[in-house]
């Protein structure tokens, strides 16, 4: 019974930290793509831009950056705590 409990509820090894690294990379890729898309949109529709579109674009970029930063922080915490 103790082995079963350790298997499901015991501490993980350092290789499990790669989950946060993978998610961090995905968020960084999405951030770069979204940044280029927003820049292209702003350049193409400069004369028709409203404050609503600009604020939505900034909020989208901020949310994606926040996802990237949180996963980077969790990866750092995971690797430093299991060192």
N, C-alpha and C. Protein backbone atom coordinates (compact mmCIF):
# COMPACT_ATOMS: atom_id res chain seq x y z
N UNK A 1 0.81 -1.19 0.00
CA UNK A 1 0.00 0.00 0.00
C UNK A 1 0.86 1.26 0.00
N UNK A 2 1.98 1.23 0.70
CA UNK A 2 2.87 2.37 0.77
C UNK A 2 3.48 2.66 -0.61
N UNK A 3 3.83 1.61 -1.36
CA UNK A 3 4.37 1.81 -2.70
C UNK A 3 3.35 2.46 -3.62
N UNK A 4 2.11 2.05 -3.48
CA UNK A 4 1.05 2.64 -4.29
C UNK A 4 0.87 4.12 -3.96
N UNK A 5 0.92 4.46 -2.70
CA UNK A 5 0.78 5.86 -2.29
C UNK A 5 1.97 6.69 -2.78
N UNK A 6 3.18 6.16 -2.70
CA UNK A 6 4.36 6.88 -3.18
C UNK A 6 4.33 7.06 -4.68
N UNK A 7 3.78 6.08 -5.38
CA UNK A 7 3.73 6.16 -6.84
C UNK A 7 2.80 7.30 -7.28
N UNK A 8 1.65 7.45 -6.64
CA UNK A 8 0.68 8.44 -7.06
C UNK A 8 0.80 9.78 -6.35
N UNK A 9 1.31 9.80 -5.15
CA UNK A 9 1.36 11.04 -4.37
C UNK A 9 2.76 11.43 -3.92
N UNK A 10 3.76 10.69 -4.29
CA UNK A 10 5.13 10.99 -3.89
C UNK A 10 5.73 12.10 -4.74
N UNK A 11 6.90 12.55 -4.38
CA UNK A 11 7.55 13.63 -5.14
C UNK A 11 7.98 13.15 -6.53
N UNK A 12 7.96 14.07 -7.46
CA UNK A 12 8.36 13.78 -8.84
C UNK A 12 9.85 14.05 -9.01
N UNK A 13 10.43 13.48 -10.04
CA UNK A 13 11.84 13.71 -10.30
C UNK A 13 12.01 14.95 -11.19
N UNK A 14 13.27 15.28 -11.46
CA UNK A 14 13.58 16.52 -12.18
C UNK A 14 13.11 16.48 -13.64
N UNK A 15 12.96 15.30 -14.20
CA UNK A 15 12.53 15.22 -15.61
C UNK A 15 11.10 15.70 -15.80
N UNK A 16 10.31 15.71 -14.75
CA UNK A 16 8.93 16.20 -14.88
C UNK A 16 8.87 17.71 -15.03
N UNK A 17 9.98 18.40 -14.79
CA UNK A 17 10.01 19.86 -14.96
C UNK A 17 9.96 20.25 -16.44
N UNK A 18 10.25 19.31 -17.32
CA UNK A 18 10.24 19.63 -18.75
C UNK A 18 8.84 20.00 -19.24
N UNK A 19 7.81 19.61 -18.51
CA UNK A 19 6.44 20.02 -18.86
C UNK A 19 6.33 21.54 -18.91
N UNK A 20 6.86 22.21 -17.89
CA UNK A 20 6.79 23.66 -17.85
C UNK A 20 7.64 24.30 -18.94
N UNK A 21 8.76 23.67 -19.29
CA UNK A 21 9.60 24.18 -20.35
C UNK A 21 8.90 24.09 -21.70
N UNK A 22 8.20 23.00 -21.95
CA UNK A 22 7.47 22.82 -23.21
C UNK A 22 6.34 23.83 -23.31
N UNK A 23 5.57 23.99 -22.24
CA UNK A 23 4.47 24.95 -22.25
C UNK A 23 5.00 26.37 -22.41
N UNK A 24 6.14 26.67 -21.80
CA UNK A 24 6.78 27.98 -21.92
C UNK A 24 7.15 28.24 -23.39
N UNK A 25 7.71 27.25 -24.05
CA UNK A 25 8.06 27.39 -25.46
C UNK A 25 6.85 27.61 -26.35
N UNK A 26 5.76 26.92 -26.05
CA UNK A 26 4.53 27.09 -26.82
C UNK A 26 4.00 28.51 -26.65
N UNK A 27 3.98 29.00 -25.42
CA UNK A 27 3.49 30.36 -25.18
C UNK A 27 4.41 31.39 -25.85
N UNK A 28 5.71 31.17 -25.86
CA UNK A 28 6.62 32.10 -26.51
C UNK A 28 6.36 32.13 -28.02
N UNK A 29 6.14 30.96 -28.60
CA UNK A 29 5.85 30.88 -30.04
C UNK A 29 4.55 31.63 -30.35
N UNK A 30 3.51 31.42 -29.55
CA UNK A 30 2.23 32.10 -29.75
C UNK A 30 2.38 33.60 -29.55
N UNK A 31 3.21 34.01 -28.58
CA UNK A 31 3.44 35.43 -28.33
C UNK A 31 4.08 36.10 -29.54
N UNK A 32 5.07 35.48 -30.14
CA UNK A 32 5.76 36.06 -31.29
C UNK A 32 4.80 36.16 -32.48
N UNK A 33 4.04 35.09 -32.73
CA UNK A 33 3.09 35.10 -33.85
C UNK A 33 2.03 36.18 -33.63
N UNK A 34 1.51 36.29 -32.43
CA UNK A 34 0.48 37.29 -32.13
C UNK A 34 1.05 38.70 -32.23
N UNK A 35 2.28 38.89 -31.78
CA UNK A 35 2.91 40.20 -31.87
C UNK A 35 3.03 40.65 -33.32
N UNK A 36 3.51 39.77 -34.20
CA UNK A 36 3.62 40.12 -35.62
C UNK A 36 2.25 40.36 -36.25
N UNK A 37 1.26 39.58 -35.85
CA UNK A 37 -0.09 39.76 -36.38
C UNK A 37 -0.66 41.11 -35.96
N UNK A 38 -0.48 41.47 -34.70
CA UNK A 38 -0.97 42.77 -34.22
C UNK A 38 -0.25 43.93 -34.91
N UNK A 39 1.04 43.82 -35.09
CA UNK A 39 1.79 44.88 -35.78
C UNK A 39 1.30 45.02 -37.21
N UNK A 40 1.12 43.90 -37.90
CA UNK A 40 0.61 43.93 -39.27
C UNK A 40 -0.78 44.55 -39.31
N UNK A 41 -1.65 44.19 -38.36
CA UNK A 41 -3.00 44.74 -38.31
C UNK A 41 -2.97 46.25 -38.08
N UNK A 42 -2.10 46.71 -37.18
CA UNK A 42 -2.02 48.14 -36.89
C UNK A 42 -1.48 48.91 -38.09
N UNK A 43 -0.53 48.34 -38.81
CA UNK A 43 0.02 49.02 -39.99
C UNK A 43 -1.01 49.06 -41.12
N UNK A 44 -1.71 47.96 -41.32
CA UNK A 44 -2.66 47.89 -42.43
C UNK A 44 -3.89 48.77 -42.21
N UNK A 45 -4.38 48.83 -40.99
CA UNK A 45 -5.61 49.58 -40.70
C UNK A 45 -5.34 50.80 -39.82
N UNK A 46 -4.28 51.52 -40.10
CA UNK A 46 -3.91 52.66 -39.28
C UNK A 46 -4.99 53.73 -39.25
N UNK A 47 -5.61 54.02 -40.39
CA UNK A 47 -6.59 55.10 -40.43
C UNK A 47 -7.95 54.69 -39.87
N UNK A 48 -8.23 53.41 -39.70
CA UNK A 48 -9.53 52.95 -39.19
C UNK A 48 -9.46 52.44 -37.75
N UNK A 49 -8.35 52.61 -37.09
CA UNK A 49 -8.19 52.07 -35.74
C UNK A 49 -9.00 52.85 -34.72
N UNK A 50 -9.63 52.11 -33.84
CA UNK A 50 -10.32 52.70 -32.71
C UNK A 50 -9.59 52.26 -31.44
N UNK A 51 -9.86 52.95 -30.36
CA UNK A 51 -9.21 52.62 -29.10
C UNK A 51 -9.56 51.20 -28.65
N UNK A 52 -10.75 50.74 -28.99
CA UNK A 52 -11.19 49.40 -28.61
C UNK A 52 -10.28 48.33 -29.22
N UNK A 53 -9.92 48.49 -30.49
CA UNK A 53 -9.06 47.52 -31.15
C UNK A 53 -7.65 47.53 -30.57
N UNK A 54 -7.17 48.71 -30.26
CA UNK A 54 -5.82 48.82 -29.70
C UNK A 54 -5.78 48.20 -28.31
N UNK A 55 -6.79 48.49 -27.49
CA UNK A 55 -6.80 47.94 -26.13
C UNK A 55 -6.98 46.43 -26.14
N UNK A 56 -7.78 45.91 -27.06
CA UNK A 56 -7.95 44.45 -27.14
C UNK A 56 -6.64 43.78 -27.55
N UNK A 57 -5.94 44.38 -28.50
CA UNK A 57 -4.66 43.83 -28.93
C UNK A 57 -3.63 43.81 -27.80
N UNK A 58 -3.60 44.89 -27.04
CA UNK A 58 -2.65 44.96 -25.91
C UNK A 58 -3.03 43.94 -24.83
N UNK A 59 -4.31 43.78 -24.55
CA UNK A 59 -4.74 42.80 -23.55
C UNK A 59 -4.44 41.37 -23.98
N UNK A 60 -4.62 41.07 -25.25
CA UNK A 60 -4.30 39.74 -25.75
C UNK A 60 -2.81 39.47 -25.60
N UNK A 61 -1.99 40.43 -25.99
CA UNK A 61 -0.54 40.26 -25.85
C UNK A 61 -0.13 40.11 -24.39
N UNK A 62 -0.76 40.89 -23.50
CA UNK A 62 -0.44 40.80 -22.09
C UNK A 62 -0.81 39.43 -21.52
N UNK A 63 -1.97 38.90 -21.90
CA UNK A 63 -2.38 37.58 -21.40
C UNK A 63 -1.44 36.47 -21.88
N UNK A 64 -1.03 36.54 -23.13
CA UNK A 64 -0.11 35.52 -23.64
C UNK A 64 1.25 35.65 -22.96
N UNK A 65 1.72 36.89 -22.77
CA UNK A 65 2.98 37.09 -22.06
C UNK A 65 2.90 36.58 -20.64
N UNK A 66 1.77 36.79 -20.00
CA UNK A 66 1.58 36.31 -18.62
C UNK A 66 1.65 34.78 -18.56
N UNK A 67 1.05 34.11 -19.53
CA UNK A 67 1.14 32.65 -19.59
C UNK A 67 2.58 32.19 -19.79
N UNK A 68 3.32 32.87 -20.66
CA UNK A 68 4.73 32.55 -20.87
C UNK A 68 5.53 32.76 -19.58
N UNK A 69 5.33 33.90 -18.93
CA UNK A 69 6.11 34.23 -17.75
C UNK A 69 5.81 33.27 -16.59
N UNK A 70 4.55 32.93 -16.39
CA UNK A 70 4.19 32.02 -15.29
C UNK A 70 4.81 30.65 -15.51
N UNK A 71 4.77 30.13 -16.71
CA UNK A 71 5.36 28.82 -16.96
C UNK A 71 6.88 28.86 -16.88
N UNK A 72 7.48 29.97 -17.28
CA UNK A 72 8.94 30.11 -17.12
C UNK A 72 9.31 30.15 -15.65
N UNK A 73 8.52 30.88 -14.87
CA UNK A 73 8.76 30.95 -13.43
C UNK A 73 8.57 29.58 -12.77
N UNK A 74 7.54 28.86 -13.15
CA UNK A 74 7.31 27.53 -12.59
C UNK A 74 8.42 26.56 -12.99
N UNK A 75 8.93 26.66 -14.21
CA UNK A 75 10.05 25.81 -14.62
C UNK A 75 11.29 26.11 -13.78
N UNK A 76 11.57 27.39 -13.57
CA UNK A 76 12.73 27.77 -12.76
C UNK A 76 12.58 27.28 -11.33
N UNK A 77 11.40 27.44 -10.76
CA UNK A 77 11.16 26.98 -9.40
C UNK A 77 11.29 25.46 -9.30
N UNK A 78 10.80 24.76 -10.31
CA UNK A 78 10.87 23.30 -10.30
C UNK A 78 12.32 22.81 -10.38
N UNK A 79 13.09 23.39 -11.29
CA UNK A 79 14.48 22.93 -11.43
C UNK A 79 15.33 23.31 -10.23
N UNK A 80 15.10 24.48 -9.65
CA UNK A 80 15.91 24.90 -8.50
C UNK A 80 15.54 24.11 -7.23
N UNK A 81 14.29 23.73 -7.10
CA UNK A 81 13.90 23.00 -5.90
C UNK A 81 14.32 21.53 -5.95
N UNK A 82 14.49 20.99 -7.14
CA UNK A 82 14.88 19.59 -7.27
C UNK A 82 16.37 19.43 -7.54
N UNK A 83 17.15 20.48 -7.45
CA UNK A 83 18.57 20.42 -7.75
C UNK A 83 19.34 19.63 -6.71
